[in-house]
């Protein structure tokens, strides 16, 4: 996984442009409404989804597997704390956060890794804190493509394995972690408008007191 993302960022640099995803904008609004001031973004990449939080006065800490992506974030003057490593090795600190935002990452993990990741994120939330995940849906066009590895889990191209969520798997995996709601979100490719949008699901959880 490290090699795949490292070579992707070296080759494609800022491959998604620098505009934040719609999920990040919606989550920023939600976090502001809930008075969330300090968040963790696992899989921060080169920071395109971080800036919208920073620009609105929210303190951001990131985790990123690719050193090249971190260097790109620095080039964009994103001067925040970013841990270099895989989310599968969380936690990187013992801090508790008001909120966690994770975009298009959890579906790249296998079942055991997803379970650990959700648990690790939940354990780094303050009481009443929120975590928001945006993940790929079974409605996405790539569903069922490539080599099937497990139920709803496919190697869609060499080095890229994806788990596709639906309502049942969301309830199963997030049900014990303060699941409050989930909804479909259609994410356009803002730097390549001719590309069909992704059908994602946005999942919200709140840590109990």
N, C-alpha and C. Protein backbone atom coordinates (compact mmCIF):
# COMPACT_ATOMS: atom_id res chain seq x y z
N UNK A 1 0.84 -1.22 0.00
CA UNK A 1 0.00 0.00 0.00
C UNK A 1 0.87 1.26 0.00
N UNK A 2 1.92 1.26 0.83
CA UNK A 2 2.82 2.43 0.88
C UNK A 2 3.41 2.70 -0.50
N UNK A 3 3.94 1.64 -1.14
CA UNK A 3 4.57 1.80 -2.45
C UNK A 3 3.59 2.32 -3.48
N UNK A 4 2.36 1.80 -3.45
CA UNK A 4 1.34 2.23 -4.42
C UNK A 4 1.09 3.73 -4.31
N UNK A 5 0.84 4.21 -3.07
CA UNK A 5 0.51 5.63 -2.91
C UNK A 5 1.72 6.52 -3.12
N UNK A 6 2.88 6.05 -2.69
CA UNK A 6 4.10 6.84 -2.89
C UNK A 6 4.34 7.05 -4.39
N UNK A 7 4.26 5.96 -5.17
CA UNK A 7 4.50 6.10 -6.61
C UNK A 7 3.38 6.91 -7.28
N UNK A 8 2.15 6.78 -6.79
CA UNK A 8 1.03 7.56 -7.34
C UNK A 8 1.25 9.05 -7.15
N UNK A 9 1.68 9.45 -5.95
CA UNK A 9 1.91 10.87 -5.69
C UNK A 9 3.15 11.39 -6.42
N UNK A 10 4.18 10.54 -6.55
CA UNK A 10 5.37 10.96 -7.30
C UNK A 10 4.99 11.20 -8.77
N UNK A 11 4.22 10.26 -9.32
CA UNK A 11 3.87 10.32 -10.74
C UNK A 11 2.82 11.40 -11.03
N UNK A 12 1.78 11.46 -10.18
CA UNK A 12 0.62 12.31 -10.50
C UNK A 12 0.55 13.58 -9.68
N UNK A 13 1.42 13.71 -8.68
CA UNK A 13 1.46 14.92 -7.84
C UNK A 13 0.06 15.22 -7.27
N UNK A 14 -0.45 16.42 -7.52
CA UNK A 14 -1.76 16.79 -6.94
C UNK A 14 -2.88 16.28 -7.84
N UNK A 15 -3.06 14.95 -7.82
CA UNK A 15 -3.89 14.27 -8.82
C UNK A 15 -5.37 14.61 -8.74
N UNK A 16 -5.82 15.12 -7.60
CA UNK A 16 -7.25 15.47 -7.47
C UNK A 16 -7.47 16.99 -7.47
N UNK A 17 -6.44 17.74 -7.89
CA UNK A 17 -6.57 19.19 -7.82
C UNK A 17 -6.43 19.66 -6.37
N UNK A 18 -6.79 20.91 -6.13
CA UNK A 18 -6.67 21.39 -4.75
C UNK A 18 -7.99 21.89 -4.17
N UNK A 19 -9.07 21.75 -4.94
CA UNK A 19 -10.38 22.11 -4.39
C UNK A 19 -10.83 21.03 -3.42
N UNK A 20 -11.41 21.39 -2.27
CA UNK A 20 -11.88 20.36 -1.34
C UNK A 20 -13.06 19.58 -1.90
N UNK A 21 -13.19 18.35 -1.46
CA UNK A 21 -14.35 17.53 -1.85
C UNK A 21 -15.62 18.13 -1.24
N UNK A 22 -16.76 17.80 -1.83
CA UNK A 22 -18.04 18.24 -1.26
C UNK A 22 -18.22 17.70 0.15
N UNK A 23 -17.73 16.47 0.39
CA UNK A 23 -17.82 15.86 1.73
C UNK A 23 -17.09 16.72 2.77
N UNK A 24 -15.90 17.23 2.38
CA UNK A 24 -15.12 18.05 3.32
C UNK A 24 -15.86 19.34 3.63
N UNK A 25 -16.47 19.95 2.61
CA UNK A 25 -17.20 21.21 2.81
C UNK A 25 -18.41 20.98 3.73
N UNK A 26 -19.15 19.90 3.48
CA UNK A 26 -20.31 19.57 4.33
C UNK A 26 -19.88 19.27 5.76
N UNK A 27 -18.77 18.54 5.90
CA UNK A 27 -18.28 18.18 7.24
C UNK A 27 -17.78 19.43 7.97
N UNK A 28 -17.13 20.33 7.25
CA UNK A 28 -16.69 21.61 7.85
C UNK A 28 -17.89 22.35 8.43
N UNK A 29 -18.98 22.44 7.65
CA UNK A 29 -20.19 23.12 8.13
C UNK A 29 -20.76 22.42 9.37
N UNK A 30 -20.77 21.10 9.33
CA UNK A 30 -21.28 20.29 10.45
C UNK A 30 -20.41 20.50 11.70
N UNK A 31 -19.09 20.47 11.52
CA UNK A 31 -18.17 20.66 12.64
C UNK A 31 -18.30 22.06 13.23
N UNK A 32 -18.46 23.07 12.39
CA UNK A 32 -18.64 24.44 12.90
C UNK A 32 -19.93 24.55 13.70
N UNK A 33 -20.97 23.91 13.19
CA UNK A 33 -22.27 23.92 13.89
C UNK A 33 -22.16 23.26 15.26
N UNK A 34 -21.32 22.22 15.35
CA UNK A 34 -21.15 21.49 16.61
C UNK A 34 -20.02 22.07 17.47
N UNK A 35 -19.45 23.19 17.03
CA UNK A 35 -18.39 23.88 17.76
C UNK A 35 -17.14 23.01 17.94
N UNK A 36 -16.81 22.26 16.90
CA UNK A 36 -15.64 21.39 16.92
C UNK A 36 -14.41 22.20 16.48
N UNK A 37 -13.37 22.17 17.30
CA UNK A 37 -12.22 23.07 17.10
C UNK A 37 -10.93 22.35 16.72
N UNK A 38 -10.88 21.04 16.96
CA UNK A 38 -9.61 20.32 16.87
C UNK A 38 -9.88 18.94 16.26
N UNK A 39 -9.36 18.71 15.04
CA UNK A 39 -9.71 17.45 14.36
C UNK A 39 -8.48 16.69 13.88
N UNK A 40 -8.71 15.40 13.65
CA UNK A 40 -7.71 14.51 13.06
C UNK A 40 -8.21 14.11 11.68
N UNK A 41 -7.32 14.16 10.67
CA UNK A 41 -7.66 13.68 9.33
C UNK A 41 -6.71 12.54 8.96
N UNK A 42 -7.14 11.27 9.15
CA UNK A 42 -6.32 10.15 8.69
C UNK A 42 -6.36 10.09 7.16
N UNK A 43 -5.20 9.86 6.54
CA UNK A 43 -5.14 9.83 5.08
C UNK A 43 -5.31 11.22 4.51
N UNK A 44 -4.53 12.17 5.03
CA UNK A 44 -4.70 13.58 4.67
C UNK A 44 -4.19 13.89 3.26
N UNK A 45 -3.37 12.99 2.68
CA UNK A 45 -2.85 13.23 1.34
C UNK A 45 -2.02 14.50 1.32
N UNK A 46 -2.21 15.31 0.26
CA UNK A 46 -1.48 16.58 0.17
C UNK A 46 -2.30 17.74 0.72
N UNK A 47 -3.40 17.40 1.41
CA UNK A 47 -4.10 18.40 2.21
C UNK A 47 -5.25 19.14 1.54
N UNK A 48 -5.72 18.64 0.40
CA UNK A 48 -6.78 19.40 -0.29
C UNK A 48 -8.05 19.49 0.55
N UNK A 49 -8.31 18.46 1.38
CA UNK A 49 -9.49 18.49 2.24
C UNK A 49 -9.22 19.13 3.60
N UNK A 50 -7.95 19.42 3.89
CA UNK A 50 -7.61 19.99 5.20
C UNK A 50 -7.79 21.50 5.21
N UNK A 51 -7.49 22.14 4.08
CA UNK A 51 -7.42 23.60 4.04
C UNK A 51 -8.76 24.24 4.40
N UNK A 52 -9.86 23.62 3.97
CA UNK A 52 -11.19 24.19 4.24
C UNK A 52 -11.47 24.23 5.75
N UNK A 53 -10.92 23.29 6.50
CA UNK A 53 -11.07 23.31 7.97
C UNK A 53 -10.15 24.37 8.57
N UNK A 54 -8.89 24.36 8.13
CA UNK A 54 -7.91 25.33 8.64
C UNK A 54 -8.39 26.76 8.40
N UNK A 55 -8.91 27.01 7.18
CA UNK A 55 -9.38 28.36 6.82
C UNK A 55 -10.57 28.81 7.65
N UNK A 56 -11.23 27.86 8.31
CA UNK A 56 -12.38 28.19 9.16
C UNK A 56 -12.06 28.07 10.64
N UNK A 57 -10.76 28.14 10.97
CA UNK A 57 -10.35 28.23 12.36
C UNK A 57 -10.32 26.92 13.12
N UNK A 58 -10.37 25.80 12.37
CA UNK A 58 -10.32 24.48 13.02
C UNK A 58 -8.87 23.99 12.98
N UNK A 59 -8.37 23.53 14.10
CA UNK A 59 -7.02 22.99 14.18
C UNK A 59 -7.00 21.57 13.60
N UNK A 60 -6.07 21.31 12.69
CA UNK A 60 -6.02 20.01 12.00
C UNK A 60 -4.70 19.31 12.26
N UNK A 61 -4.78 18.00 12.57
CA UNK A 61 -3.63 17.10 12.60
C UNK A 61 -3.89 16.02 11.56
N UNK A 62 -2.86 15.64 10.82
CA UNK A 62 -3.06 14.63 9.77
C UNK A 62 -2.23 13.38 9.98
N UNK A 63 -2.61 12.33 9.28
CA UNK A 63 -1.81 11.10 9.17
C UNK A 63 -1.72 10.81 7.67
N UNK A 64 -0.53 10.50 7.19
CA UNK A 64 -0.36 10.24 5.75
C UNK A 64 0.75 9.22 5.51
N UNK A 65 0.45 8.24 4.65
CA UNK A 65 1.37 7.14 4.37
C UNK A 65 2.48 7.55 3.40
N UNK A 66 2.20 8.58 2.56
CA UNK A 66 3.14 8.96 1.51
C UNK A 66 3.94 10.19 1.89
N UNK A 67 5.27 10.03 1.94
CA UNK A 67 6.16 11.17 2.23
C UNK A 67 6.04 12.24 1.15
N UNK A 68 5.88 11.81 -0.09
CA UNK A 68 5.73 12.75 -1.21
C UNK A 68 4.49 13.62 -1.02
N UNK A 69 3.39 13.00 -0.60
CA UNK A 69 2.15 13.76 -0.37
C UNK A 69 2.36 14.81 0.73
N UNK A 70 3.07 14.44 1.79
CA UNK A 70 3.35 15.39 2.88
C UNK A 70 4.20 16.55 2.34
N UNK A 71 5.20 16.23 1.52
CA UNK A 71 6.03 17.29 0.92
C UNK A 71 5.19 18.22 0.05
N UNK A 72 4.22 17.66 -0.70
CA UNK A 72 3.33 18.49 -1.53
C UNK A 72 2.48 19.42 -0.65
N UNK A 73 2.01 18.89 0.49
CA UNK A 73 1.23 19.72 1.43
C UNK A 73 2.08 20.89 1.93
N UNK A 74 3.34 20.61 2.21
CA UNK A 74 4.24 21.67 2.69
C UNK A 74 4.47 22.72 1.59
N UNK A 75 4.56 22.26 0.34
CA UNK A 75 4.72 23.20 -0.78
C UNK A 75 3.52 24.14 -0.87
N UNK A 76 2.35 23.62 -0.47
CA UNK A 76 1.13 24.44 -0.48
C UNK A 76 0.99 25.23 0.82
N UNK A 77 2.08 25.26 1.60
CA UNK A 77 2.14 26.00 2.87
C UNK A 77 1.07 25.55 3.87
N UNK A 78 0.83 24.25 3.86
CA UNK A 78 -0.08 23.68 4.86
C UNK A 78 0.78 23.31 6.07
N UNK A 79 0.94 24.28 6.96
CA UNK A 79 1.86 24.10 8.09
C UNK A 79 1.13 23.57 9.32
N UNK A 80 0.76 22.31 9.21
CA UNK A 80 0.07 21.64 10.32
C UNK A 80 0.88 20.39 10.68
N UNK A 81 0.53 19.79 11.79
CA UNK A 81 1.21 18.57 12.22
C UNK A 81 0.68 17.38 11.40
N UNK A 82 1.60 16.67 10.73
CA UNK A 82 1.22 15.47 9.96
C UNK A 82 2.13 14.32 10.36
N UNK A 83 1.53 13.26 10.85
CA UNK A 83 2.29 12.05 11.18
C UNK A 83 2.52 11.26 9.90
N UNK A 84 3.76 10.82 9.68
CA UNK A 84 4.07 10.01 8.50
C UNK A 84 3.93 8.53 8.87
N UNK A 85 2.94 7.87 8.29
CA UNK A 85 2.73 6.46 8.58
C UNK A 85 1.38 5.99 8.09
N UNK A 86 1.11 4.72 8.27
CA UNK A 86 -0.16 4.12 7.83
C UNK A 86 -1.20 4.22 8.94
N UNK A 87 -2.45 4.43 8.55
CA UNK A 87 -3.53 4.47 9.55
C UNK A 87 -3.67 3.13 10.28
N UNK A 88 -3.15 2.07 9.68
CA UNK A 88 -3.22 0.75 10.34
C UNK A 88 -2.31 0.71 11.57
N UNK A 89 -1.42 1.71 11.69
CA UNK A 89 -0.52 1.78 12.85
C UNK A 89 -0.99 2.80 13.89
N UNK A 90 -2.20 3.29 13.75
CA UNK A 90 -2.73 4.21 14.77
C UNK A 90 -2.79 3.51 16.13
N UNK A 91 -2.73 4.30 17.21
CA UNK A 91 -2.63 5.76 17.28
C UNK A 91 -1.17 6.23 17.20
N UNK A 92 -0.99 7.47 16.69
CA UNK A 92 0.32 8.10 16.61
C UNK A 92 0.55 9.05 17.78
N UNK A 93 -0.51 9.38 18.48
CA UNK A 93 -0.39 10.19 19.70
C UNK A 93 -1.49 9.74 20.66
N UNK A 94 -1.45 10.26 21.89
CA UNK A 94 -2.48 9.85 22.86
C UNK A 94 -3.51 10.96 23.06
N UNK A 95 -3.57 11.86 22.11
CA UNK A 95 -4.47 13.01 22.19
C UNK A 95 -5.89 12.59 21.82
N UNK A 96 -6.87 13.24 22.44
CA UNK A 96 -8.27 13.05 22.06
C UNK A 96 -8.73 14.26 21.26
N UNK A 97 -9.46 14.02 20.20
CA UNK A 97 -9.89 15.08 19.28
C UNK A 97 -11.39 15.33 19.38
N UNK A 98 -11.79 16.56 19.04
CA UNK A 98 -13.23 16.89 18.98
C UNK A 98 -13.90 16.17 17.81
N UNK A 99 -13.14 16.01 16.73
CA UNK A 99 -13.71 15.42 15.52
C UNK A 99 -12.66 14.70 14.70
N UNK A 100 -13.12 13.76 13.87
CA UNK A 100 -12.25 13.04 12.93
C UNK A 100 -12.97 13.04 11.58
N UNK A 101 -12.23 13.35 10.53
CA UNK A 101 -12.78 13.32 9.17
C UNK A 101 -11.89 12.42 8.32
N UNK A 102 -12.50 11.43 7.69
CA UNK A 102 -11.74 10.46 6.90
C UNK A 102 -12.41 10.30 5.54
N UNK A 103 -11.70 10.72 4.50
CA UNK A 103 -12.28 10.75 3.15
C UNK A 103 -11.67 9.67 2.26
N UNK A 104 -12.54 8.80 1.72
CA UNK A 104 -12.15 7.83 0.68
C UNK A 104 -10.93 6.99 1.06
N UNK A 105 -10.93 6.51 2.29
CA UNK A 105 -9.79 5.72 2.75
C UNK A 105 -10.22 4.36 3.31
N UNK A 106 -11.26 4.35 4.12
CA UNK A 106 -11.58 3.12 4.85
C UNK A 106 -11.87 1.94 3.92
N UNK A 107 -12.42 2.21 2.74
CA UNK A 107 -12.74 1.12 1.81
C UNK A 107 -11.50 0.48 1.18
N UNK A 108 -10.32 1.09 1.40
CA UNK A 108 -9.07 0.51 0.89
C UNK A 108 -8.45 -0.50 1.86
N UNK A 109 -9.10 -0.68 3.01
CA UNK A 109 -8.59 -1.58 4.05
C UNK A 109 -9.35 -2.91 4.03
N UNK A 110 -8.68 -3.97 4.49
CA UNK A 110 -9.40 -5.25 4.60
C UNK A 110 -10.22 -5.28 5.89
N UNK A 111 -10.96 -6.35 6.09
CA UNK A 111 -11.92 -6.40 7.20
C UNK A 111 -11.26 -6.16 8.56
N UNK A 112 -10.16 -6.86 8.80
CA UNK A 112 -9.47 -6.71 10.09
C UNK A 112 -8.94 -5.29 10.27
N UNK A 113 -8.38 -4.74 9.20
CA UNK A 113 -7.85 -3.36 9.26
C UNK A 113 -8.97 -2.34 9.47
N UNK A 114 -10.12 -2.57 8.82
CA UNK A 114 -11.25 -1.64 9.00
C UNK A 114 -11.74 -1.66 10.45
N UNK A 115 -11.85 -2.84 11.00
CA UNK A 115 -12.32 -2.97 12.40
C UNK A 115 -11.38 -2.21 13.34
N UNK A 116 -10.08 -2.42 13.17
CA UNK A 116 -9.09 -1.74 14.02
C UNK A 116 -9.14 -0.23 13.81
N UNK A 117 -9.25 0.20 12.55
CA UNK A 117 -9.25 1.62 12.22
C UNK A 117 -10.45 2.34 12.84
N UNK A 118 -11.63 1.75 12.72
CA UNK A 118 -12.84 2.37 13.29
C UNK A 118 -12.68 2.48 14.81
N UNK A 119 -12.20 1.40 15.42
CA UNK A 119 -11.99 1.38 16.87
C UNK A 119 -10.94 2.41 17.29
N UNK A 120 -9.84 2.50 16.53
CA UNK A 120 -8.78 3.46 16.85
C UNK A 120 -9.29 4.90 16.74
N UNK A 121 -10.07 5.18 15.70
CA UNK A 121 -10.63 6.53 15.54
C UNK A 121 -11.57 6.86 16.70
N UNK A 122 -12.45 5.93 17.01
CA UNK A 122 -13.41 6.14 18.10
C UNK A 122 -12.69 6.40 19.42
N UNK A 123 -11.61 5.66 19.65
CA UNK A 123 -10.85 5.81 20.90
C UNK A 123 -10.09 7.13 20.99
N UNK A 124 -9.94 7.82 19.84
CA UNK A 124 -9.26 9.13 19.87
C UNK A 124 -10.25 10.29 19.85
N UNK A 125 -11.52 9.99 20.04
CA UNK A 125 -12.54 11.05 20.14
C UNK A 125 -12.76 11.44 21.59
N UNK A 126 -12.94 12.73 21.81
CA UNK A 126 -13.40 13.19 23.12
C UNK A 126 -14.85 12.75 23.31
N UNK A 127 -15.32 12.63 24.55
CA UNK A 127 -16.75 12.36 24.77
C UNK A 127 -17.58 13.41 24.03
N UNK A 128 -18.63 12.96 23.36
CA UNK A 128 -19.50 13.80 22.53
C UNK A 128 -18.87 14.20 21.20
N UNK A 129 -17.62 13.77 20.93
CA UNK A 129 -16.97 14.09 19.66
C UNK A 129 -17.59 13.31 18.51
N UNK A 130 -17.35 13.80 17.30
CA UNK A 130 -17.92 13.18 16.10
C UNK A 130 -16.84 12.67 15.17
N UNK A 131 -17.12 11.54 14.50
CA UNK A 131 -16.26 11.11 13.41
C UNK A 131 -17.10 10.92 12.16
N UNK A 132 -16.56 11.39 11.04
CA UNK A 132 -17.27 11.36 9.76
C UNK A 132 -16.38 10.64 8.74
N UNK A 133 -16.94 9.61 8.12
CA UNK A 133 -16.23 8.85 7.10
C UNK A 133 -16.98 8.99 5.77
N UNK A 134 -16.25 9.23 4.69
CA UNK A 134 -16.85 9.13 3.35
C UNK A 134 -16.24 7.93 2.67
N UNK A 135 -17.09 7.03 2.19
CA UNK A 135 -16.60 5.76 1.66
C UNK A 135 -17.36 5.36 0.40
N UNK A 136 -16.79 4.45 -0.36
CA UNK A 136 -17.40 4.04 -1.63
C UNK A 136 -18.61 3.14 -1.39
N UNK A 137 -19.58 3.28 -2.28
CA UNK A 137 -20.84 2.55 -2.16
C UNK A 137 -20.91 1.42 -3.19
N UNK A 138 -21.75 0.44 -2.91
CA UNK A 138 -21.99 -0.63 -3.87
C UNK A 138 -22.65 -0.12 -5.15
N UNK A 139 -23.14 1.12 -5.10
CA UNK A 139 -23.74 1.74 -6.30
C UNK A 139 -22.67 2.25 -7.27
N UNK A 140 -21.41 2.27 -6.84
CA UNK A 140 -20.33 2.79 -7.69
C UNK A 140 -20.11 1.87 -8.89
N UNK A 141 -19.71 2.43 -10.04
CA UNK A 141 -19.54 1.62 -11.26
C UNK A 141 -18.45 0.56 -11.16
N UNK A 142 -17.50 0.74 -10.23
CA UNK A 142 -16.41 -0.26 -10.11
C UNK A 142 -16.84 -1.50 -9.33
N UNK A 143 -18.02 -1.44 -8.71
CA UNK A 143 -18.45 -2.58 -7.88
C UNK A 143 -18.53 -3.86 -8.73
N UNK A 144 -17.91 -4.91 -8.24
CA UNK A 144 -17.96 -6.19 -8.94
C UNK A 144 -16.90 -6.35 -10.01
N UNK A 145 -16.09 -5.31 -10.23
CA UNK A 145 -15.05 -5.39 -11.26
C UNK A 145 -13.77 -5.97 -10.66
N UNK A 146 -12.98 -6.61 -11.53
CA UNK A 146 -11.70 -7.15 -11.08
C UNK A 146 -11.87 -8.48 -10.37
N UNK A 147 -10.94 -8.78 -9.48
CA UNK A 147 -10.90 -10.08 -8.81
C UNK A 147 -11.59 -10.00 -7.45
N UNK A 148 -12.56 -10.87 -7.21
CA UNK A 148 -13.25 -10.87 -5.92
C UNK A 148 -12.39 -11.55 -4.87
N UNK A 149 -12.18 -10.85 -3.75
CA UNK A 149 -11.35 -11.36 -2.66
C UNK A 149 -12.18 -11.82 -1.47
N UNK A 150 -13.37 -11.23 -1.32
CA UNK A 150 -14.27 -11.54 -0.20
C UNK A 150 -15.62 -10.92 -0.55
N UNK A 151 -16.59 -11.04 0.35
CA UNK A 151 -17.90 -10.44 0.09
C UNK A 151 -17.74 -8.93 -0.06
N UNK A 152 -18.18 -8.40 -1.20
CA UNK A 152 -18.13 -6.96 -1.51
C UNK A 152 -16.72 -6.37 -1.47
N UNK A 153 -15.71 -7.21 -1.63
CA UNK A 153 -14.30 -6.77 -1.56
C UNK A 153 -13.59 -7.26 -2.82
N UNK A 154 -13.08 -6.33 -3.63
CA UNK A 154 -12.51 -6.66 -4.94
C UNK A 154 -11.16 -5.98 -5.14
N UNK A 155 -10.28 -6.67 -5.86
CA UNK A 155 -9.06 -6.02 -6.35
C UNK A 155 -9.42 -5.45 -7.71
N UNK A 156 -9.76 -4.17 -7.76
CA UNK A 156 -10.32 -3.59 -8.99
C UNK A 156 -9.24 -3.32 -10.03
N UNK A 157 -7.99 -3.13 -9.57
CA UNK A 157 -6.83 -3.06 -10.45
C UNK A 157 -5.63 -3.45 -9.61
N UNK A 158 -4.52 -3.72 -10.24
CA UNK A 158 -3.37 -4.22 -9.49
C UNK A 158 -2.97 -3.24 -8.40
N UNK A 159 -2.96 -3.73 -7.16
CA UNK A 159 -2.55 -2.91 -6.02
C UNK A 159 -3.67 -2.12 -5.37
N UNK A 160 -4.87 -2.13 -5.98
CA UNK A 160 -6.00 -1.37 -5.41
C UNK A 160 -7.13 -2.33 -5.06
N UNK A 161 -7.29 -2.54 -3.75
CA UNK A 161 -8.37 -3.41 -3.25
C UNK A 161 -9.41 -2.53 -2.59
N UNK A 162 -10.67 -2.80 -2.88
CA UNK A 162 -11.74 -1.94 -2.34
C UNK A 162 -12.87 -2.77 -1.76
N UNK A 163 -13.34 -2.31 -0.61
CA UNK A 163 -14.56 -2.85 0.00
C UNK A 163 -15.69 -1.87 -0.29
N UNK A 164 -16.81 -2.40 -0.78
CA UNK A 164 -17.95 -1.55 -1.16
C UNK A 164 -19.05 -1.67 -0.11
N UNK A 165 -19.43 -0.54 0.47
CA UNK A 165 -20.40 -0.52 1.57
C UNK A 165 -21.84 -0.42 1.09
N UNK A 166 -22.73 -0.96 1.91
CA UNK A 166 -24.17 -0.72 1.78
C UNK A 166 -24.72 -0.53 3.20
N UNK A 167 -26.03 -0.33 3.32
CA UNK A 167 -26.63 -0.04 4.63
C UNK A 167 -26.31 -1.13 5.65
N UNK A 168 -26.38 -2.40 5.22
CA UNK A 168 -26.14 -3.51 6.16
C UNK A 168 -24.71 -3.51 6.69
N UNK A 169 -23.74 -3.35 5.79
CA UNK A 169 -22.34 -3.40 6.25
C UNK A 169 -21.98 -2.18 7.09
N UNK A 170 -22.63 -1.04 6.80
CA UNK A 170 -22.39 0.15 7.64
C UNK A 170 -22.89 -0.10 9.06
N UNK A 171 -24.11 -0.63 9.17
CA UNK A 171 -24.67 -0.91 10.51
C UNK A 171 -23.82 -1.94 11.24
N UNK A 172 -23.35 -2.92 10.49
CA UNK A 172 -22.54 -3.99 11.10
C UNK A 172 -21.20 -3.45 11.61
N UNK A 173 -20.53 -2.62 10.81
CA UNK A 173 -19.17 -2.18 11.17
C UNK A 173 -19.16 -0.96 12.09
N UNK A 174 -20.16 -0.08 11.97
CA UNK A 174 -20.17 1.16 12.75
C UNK A 174 -21.20 1.15 13.88
N UNK A 175 -22.05 0.12 13.91
CA UNK A 175 -23.16 0.09 14.86
C UNK A 175 -22.75 0.20 16.32
N UNK A 176 -21.57 -0.33 16.67
CA UNK A 176 -21.10 -0.28 18.06
C UNK A 176 -20.28 0.96 18.36
N UNK A 177 -20.21 1.87 17.38
CA UNK A 177 -19.36 3.05 17.54
C UNK A 177 -20.15 4.35 17.38
N UNK A 178 -21.33 4.38 17.98
CA UNK A 178 -22.10 5.61 18.05
C UNK A 178 -22.66 6.08 16.71
N UNK A 179 -22.97 5.13 15.81
CA UNK A 179 -23.52 5.49 14.50
C UNK A 179 -24.78 6.34 14.67
N UNK A 180 -24.77 7.53 14.07
CA UNK A 180 -25.95 8.40 14.16
C UNK A 180 -26.73 8.42 12.86
N UNK A 181 -26.03 8.51 11.73
CA UNK A 181 -26.74 8.45 10.45
C UNK A 181 -25.76 8.26 9.31
N UNK A 182 -26.29 7.92 8.13
CA UNK A 182 -25.47 7.83 6.91
C UNK A 182 -26.36 8.17 5.73
N UNK A 183 -25.74 8.72 4.69
CA UNK A 183 -26.50 9.14 3.51
C UNK A 183 -25.61 9.10 2.29
N UNK A 184 -26.24 8.94 1.12
CA UNK A 184 -25.47 8.92 -0.12
C UNK A 184 -25.01 10.34 -0.47
N UNK A 185 -23.81 10.44 -0.99
CA UNK A 185 -23.31 11.72 -1.50
C UNK A 185 -22.63 11.45 -2.84
N UNK A 186 -22.97 12.25 -3.83
CA UNK A 186 -22.37 12.11 -5.16
C UNK A 186 -21.23 13.11 -5.25
N UNK A 187 -20.01 12.59 -5.40
CA UNK A 187 -18.81 13.44 -5.40
C UNK A 187 -18.32 13.67 -6.84
N UNK A 188 -18.40 14.90 -7.32
CA UNK A 188 -17.86 15.18 -8.66
C UNK A 188 -16.34 15.18 -8.67
N UNK A 189 -15.74 14.91 -9.82
CA UNK A 189 -14.29 15.07 -9.99
C UNK A 189 -14.05 16.52 -10.38
N UNK A 190 -13.68 17.33 -9.41
CA UNK A 190 -13.65 18.78 -9.65
C UNK A 190 -12.56 19.20 -10.61
N UNK A 191 -11.50 18.40 -10.71
CA UNK A 191 -10.42 18.76 -11.64
C UNK A 191 -10.57 18.05 -12.99
N UNK A 192 -11.56 17.14 -13.09
CA UNK A 192 -11.83 16.43 -14.36
C UNK A 192 -13.34 16.26 -14.51
N UNK A 193 -13.99 17.33 -14.91
CA UNK A 193 -15.46 17.34 -14.90
C UNK A 193 -16.08 16.36 -15.87
N UNK A 194 -15.30 15.90 -16.85
CA UNK A 194 -15.83 14.94 -17.82
C UNK A 194 -15.95 13.54 -17.23
N UNK A 195 -15.23 13.30 -16.13
CA UNK A 195 -15.27 11.98 -15.48
C UNK A 195 -16.57 11.82 -14.70
N UNK A 196 -17.21 10.65 -14.76
CA UNK A 196 -18.46 10.48 -13.99
C UNK A 196 -18.20 10.59 -12.49
N UNK A 197 -19.14 11.16 -11.73
CA UNK A 197 -18.93 11.32 -10.29
C UNK A 197 -18.95 9.98 -9.56
N UNK A 198 -18.35 9.98 -8.37
CA UNK A 198 -18.37 8.80 -7.51
C UNK A 198 -19.61 8.80 -6.64
N UNK A 199 -20.21 7.64 -6.47
CA UNK A 199 -21.28 7.51 -5.49
C UNK A 199 -20.67 7.04 -4.17
N UNK A 200 -20.67 7.93 -3.23
CA UNK A 200 -20.10 7.66 -1.91
C UNK A 200 -21.21 7.62 -0.86
N UNK A 201 -20.83 7.14 0.33
CA UNK A 201 -21.73 7.20 1.48
C UNK A 201 -21.00 7.97 2.57
N UNK A 202 -21.72 8.89 3.20
CA UNK A 202 -21.16 9.67 4.30
C UNK A 202 -21.73 9.12 5.60
N UNK A 203 -20.84 8.72 6.50
CA UNK A 203 -21.21 8.05 7.74
C UNK A 203 -20.83 8.94 8.92
N UNK A 204 -21.78 9.14 9.83
CA UNK A 204 -21.49 9.95 11.02
C UNK A 204 -21.68 9.12 12.28
N UNK A 205 -20.72 9.27 13.19
CA UNK A 205 -20.78 8.61 14.50
C UNK A 205 -20.47 9.63 15.59
N UNK A 206 -21.07 9.43 16.76
CA UNK A 206 -20.76 10.29 17.90
C UNK A 206 -20.37 9.44 19.10
N UNK A 207 -19.28 9.83 19.72
CA UNK A 207 -18.84 9.10 20.93
C UNK A 207 -19.71 9.51 22.10
N UNK A 208 -20.16 8.51 22.83
CA UNK A 208 -21.03 8.78 23.98
C UNK A 208 -20.21 9.33 25.14
N UNK A 209 -20.89 9.98 26.04
CA UNK A 209 -20.23 10.51 27.24
C UNK A 209 -19.71 9.39 28.12
